Amino acid sequence: MWKEAVVISRLEKNDAYIESSVCFLTGAINQNYSGTYNCTTAYHSGTGIYTADGKANYDINNDGEGMQPAWEITGSPVY
């Protein structure tokens, strides 16, 4: 069982922070350990170059290690 599983996504425009969203996945993962999980991400309308990156944090219940360091999610490329 997972004690906590969180994904944070960041939306950027021209490499500047615009908005972020947080997705708490603990309940979904504990109900169905395998599979794909979807999170709603930040959205912004307008012209320009948008990119995104994020991080994931997790803590597996009773493993004695506590919350693990953030797993950085590589940012999207700029086109």
N, C-alpha and C. Protein backbone atom coordinates (compact mmCIF):
# COMPACT_ATOMS: atom_id res chain seq x y z
N MET A 1 0.84 -1.19 0.00
CA MET A 1 0.00 0.00 0.00
C MET A 1 0.89 1.25 0.00
N TRP A 2 0.38 2.25 -0.67
CA TRP A 2 1.08 3.52 -0.74
C TRP A 2 0.54 4.45 0.34
N LYS A 3 1.43 5.14 1.02
CA LYS A 3 1.02 6.13 2.01
C LYS A 3 0.70 7.45 1.31
N GLU A 4 1.50 7.77 0.28
CA GLU A 4 1.27 9.00 -0.48
C GLU A 4 1.91 8.90 -1.85
N ALA A 5 1.20 9.37 -2.86
CA ALA A 5 1.71 9.45 -4.23
C ALA A 5 1.16 10.73 -4.85
N VAL A 6 2.05 11.64 -5.21
CA VAL A 6 1.66 12.96 -5.70
C VAL A 6 2.45 13.30 -6.95
N VAL A 7 1.76 13.83 -7.96
CA VAL A 7 2.41 14.32 -9.17
C VAL A 7 2.09 15.80 -9.30
N ILE A 8 3.12 16.61 -9.53
CA ILE A 8 2.95 18.05 -9.71
C ILE A 8 3.42 18.40 -11.12
N SER A 9 2.55 19.04 -11.88
CA SER A 9 2.94 19.47 -13.23
C SER A 9 3.02 21.00 -13.27
N ARG A 10 3.96 21.49 -14.05
CA ARG A 10 4.16 22.94 -14.19
C ARG A 10 4.02 23.33 -15.65
N LEU A 11 3.25 24.37 -15.91
CA LEU A 11 3.11 24.92 -17.24
C LEU A 11 3.96 26.18 -17.32
N GLU A 12 4.74 26.28 -18.38
CA GLU A 12 5.62 27.44 -18.57
C GLU A 12 5.41 28.03 -19.95
N LYS A 13 5.60 29.33 -20.06
CA LYS A 13 5.58 30.02 -21.35
C LYS A 13 6.89 30.77 -21.47
N ASN A 14 7.61 30.50 -22.55
CA ASN A 14 8.93 31.11 -22.76
C ASN A 14 9.83 30.91 -21.55
N ASP A 15 9.76 29.71 -20.97
CA ASP A 15 10.58 29.29 -19.83
C ASP A 15 10.25 30.03 -18.53
N ALA A 16 9.08 30.66 -18.45
CA ALA A 16 8.64 31.34 -17.24
C ALA A 16 7.41 30.62 -16.69
N TYR A 17 7.35 30.44 -15.39
CA TYR A 17 6.25 29.74 -14.74
C TYR A 17 4.92 30.45 -15.00
N ILE A 18 3.89 29.67 -15.38
CA ILE A 18 2.54 30.20 -15.58
C ILE A 18 1.59 29.64 -14.52
N GLU A 19 1.54 28.32 -14.41
CA GLU A 19 0.57 27.69 -13.53
C GLU A 19 1.01 26.26 -13.23
N SER A 20 0.52 25.71 -12.13
CA SER A 20 0.82 24.32 -11.82
C SER A 20 -0.46 23.61 -11.37
N SER A 21 -0.40 22.30 -11.37
CA SER A 21 -1.51 21.50 -10.85
C SER A 21 -0.94 20.33 -10.06
N VAL A 22 -1.70 19.88 -9.09
CA VAL A 22 -1.28 18.79 -8.22
C VAL A 22 -2.29 17.65 -8.36
N CYS A 23 -1.77 16.45 -8.52
CA CYS A 23 -2.62 15.27 -8.67
C CYS A 23 -2.27 14.28 -7.56
N PHE A 24 -3.23 14.01 -6.70
CA PHE A 24 -3.04 13.05 -5.61
C PHE A 24 -3.51 11.68 -6.09
N LEU A 25 -2.59 10.75 -6.22
CA LEU A 25 -2.89 9.44 -6.81
C LEU A 25 -2.97 8.30 -5.79
N THR A 26 -2.79 8.59 -4.53
CA THR A 26 -2.71 7.54 -3.52
C THR A 26 -3.92 6.61 -3.55
N GLY A 27 -5.11 7.16 -3.52
CA GLY A 27 -6.32 6.34 -3.50
C GLY A 27 -6.46 5.48 -4.74
N ALA A 28 -6.21 6.07 -5.91
CA ALA A 28 -6.34 5.32 -7.17
C ALA A 28 -5.33 4.19 -7.24
N ILE A 29 -4.09 4.45 -6.84
CA ILE A 29 -3.06 3.41 -6.88
C ILE A 29 -3.38 2.30 -5.89
N ASN A 30 -3.83 2.64 -4.70
CA ASN A 30 -4.15 1.62 -3.70
C ASN A 30 -5.35 0.76 -4.10
N GLN A 31 -6.25 1.29 -4.91
CA GLN A 31 -7.41 0.52 -5.37
C GLN A 31 -7.06 -0.39 -6.54
N ASN A 32 -6.11 0.04 -7.38
CA ASN A 32 -5.76 -0.71 -8.59
C ASN A 32 -4.28 -0.50 -8.84
N TYR A 33 -3.45 -1.36 -8.27
CA TYR A 33 -2.00 -1.14 -8.23
C TYR A 33 -1.35 -1.00 -9.61
N SER A 34 -1.82 -1.72 -10.61
CA SER A 34 -1.20 -1.61 -11.93
C SER A 34 -2.11 -0.81 -12.86
N GLY A 35 -1.52 -0.30 -13.92
CA GLY A 35 -2.33 0.41 -14.90
C GLY A 35 -1.82 1.81 -15.16
N THR A 36 -2.64 2.57 -15.85
CA THR A 36 -2.31 3.93 -16.22
C THR A 36 -3.19 4.88 -15.42
N TYR A 37 -2.61 5.98 -14.98
CA TYR A 37 -3.34 6.97 -14.20
C TYR A 37 -3.25 8.31 -14.91
N ASN A 38 -4.37 8.99 -15.02
CA ASN A 38 -4.41 10.28 -15.70
C ASN A 38 -4.65 11.40 -14.70
N CYS A 39 -4.00 12.52 -14.95
CA CYS A 39 -4.17 13.70 -14.11
C CYS A 39 -4.52 14.89 -15.01
N THR A 40 -5.38 15.75 -14.52
CA THR A 40 -5.67 16.98 -15.23
C THR A 40 -4.51 17.94 -14.99
N THR A 41 -4.00 18.51 -16.05
CA THR A 41 -2.87 19.42 -15.92
C THR A 41 -3.32 20.86 -16.09
N ALA A 42 -2.43 21.77 -15.76
CA ALA A 42 -2.71 23.19 -15.93
C ALA A 42 -2.95 23.50 -17.40
N TYR A 43 -3.80 24.47 -17.66
CA TYR A 43 -4.13 24.85 -19.03
C TYR A 43 -4.13 26.37 -19.13
N HIS A 44 -3.64 26.87 -20.24
CA HIS A 44 -3.64 28.31 -20.47
C HIS A 44 -3.84 28.55 -21.96
N SER A 45 -4.78 29.38 -22.30
CA SER A 45 -5.00 29.68 -23.71
C SER A 45 -4.20 30.93 -24.09
N GLY A 46 -3.80 30.98 -25.30
CA GLY A 46 -3.05 32.12 -25.78
C GLY A 46 -1.95 31.67 -26.72
N THR A 47 -1.37 32.63 -27.38
CA THR A 47 -0.31 32.31 -28.32
C THR A 47 1.02 32.29 -27.59
N GLY A 48 2.00 31.70 -28.21
CA GLY A 48 3.33 31.64 -27.63
C GLY A 48 3.81 30.21 -27.55
N ILE A 49 4.97 30.04 -26.99
CA ILE A 49 5.58 28.73 -26.85
C ILE A 49 5.38 28.26 -25.42
N TYR A 50 4.67 27.15 -25.26
CA TYR A 50 4.39 26.59 -23.95
C TYR A 50 5.16 25.28 -23.78
N THR A 51 5.67 25.06 -22.59
CA THR A 51 6.33 23.82 -22.25
C THR A 51 5.82 23.37 -20.88
N ALA A 52 6.16 22.15 -20.51
CA ALA A 52 5.73 21.64 -19.21
C ALA A 52 6.81 20.74 -18.63
N ASP A 53 6.87 20.70 -17.32
CA ASP A 53 7.70 19.75 -16.61
C ASP A 53 6.98 19.41 -15.31
N GLY A 54 7.60 18.65 -14.47
CA GLY A 54 6.94 18.30 -13.23
C GLY A 54 7.81 17.44 -12.34
N LYS A 55 7.19 16.93 -11.29
CA LYS A 55 7.89 16.03 -10.38
C LYS A 55 6.88 15.12 -9.71
N ALA A 56 7.37 14.00 -9.24
CA ALA A 56 6.54 13.03 -8.53
C ALA A 56 7.19 12.73 -7.19
N ASN A 57 6.37 12.64 -6.17
CA ASN A 57 6.82 12.26 -4.84
C ASN A 57 6.00 11.06 -4.38
N TYR A 58 6.64 10.16 -3.64
CA TYR A 58 5.90 9.00 -3.16
C TYR A 58 6.47 8.51 -1.84
N ASP A 59 5.61 7.82 -1.10
CA ASP A 59 5.98 7.20 0.16
C ASP A 59 5.22 5.88 0.23
N ILE A 60 5.95 4.78 0.27
CA ILE A 60 5.33 3.46 0.38
C ILE A 60 5.13 3.16 1.86
N ASN A 61 3.91 2.80 2.22
CA ASN A 61 3.54 2.58 3.61
C ASN A 61 4.39 1.49 4.26
N ASN A 62 4.90 1.77 5.44
CA ASN A 62 5.63 0.82 6.28
C ASN A 62 6.91 0.27 5.68
N ASP A 63 7.54 1.01 4.76
CA ASP A 63 8.82 0.53 4.23
C ASP A 63 10.00 1.11 5.02
N GLY A 64 9.71 2.00 5.99
CA GLY A 64 10.74 2.56 6.83
C GLY A 64 11.57 3.65 6.18
N GLU A 65 11.25 4.05 4.97
CA GLU A 65 12.07 5.04 4.26
C GLU A 65 11.43 6.41 4.17
N GLY A 66 10.16 6.54 4.46
CA GLY A 66 9.50 7.84 4.41
C GLY A 66 9.36 8.37 2.98
N MET A 67 9.04 9.66 2.89
CA MET A 67 8.85 10.30 1.59
C MET A 67 10.17 10.31 0.83
N GLN A 68 10.13 9.85 -0.40
CA GLN A 68 11.32 9.78 -1.24
C GLN A 68 11.61 11.13 -1.89
N PRO A 69 12.87 11.41 -2.22
CA PRO A 69 13.19 12.66 -2.93
C PRO A 69 12.39 12.74 -4.22
N ALA A 70 12.08 13.96 -4.62
CA ALA A 70 11.27 14.17 -5.82
C ALA A 70 11.93 13.53 -7.04
N TRP A 71 11.10 12.86 -7.82
CA TRP A 71 11.53 12.31 -9.10
C TRP A 71 11.17 13.36 -10.14
N GLU A 72 12.16 14.00 -10.71
CA GLU A 72 11.94 15.08 -11.67
C GLU A 72 11.49 14.50 -13.01
N ILE A 73 10.41 15.04 -13.55
CA ILE A 73 9.88 14.64 -14.85
C ILE A 73 10.43 15.60 -15.89
N THR A 74 11.14 15.07 -16.85
CA THR A 74 11.80 15.89 -17.87
C THR A 74 10.79 16.78 -18.58
N GLY A 75 11.18 18.01 -18.79
CA GLY A 75 10.31 18.97 -19.46
C GLY A 75 10.09 18.65 -20.92
N SER A 76 8.99 19.16 -21.44
CA SER A 76 8.68 18.95 -22.86
C SER A 76 9.62 19.81 -23.70
N PRO A 77 9.90 19.37 -24.91
CA PRO A 77 10.80 20.15 -25.78
C PRO A 77 10.11 21.40 -26.33
N VAL A 78 10.90 22.38 -26.68
CA VAL A 78 10.39 23.61 -27.29
C VAL A 78 10.48 23.44 -28.79
N TYR A 79 9.38 23.71 -29.48
CA TYR A 79 9.36 23.61 -30.94
C TYR A 79 9.22 24.98 -31.55
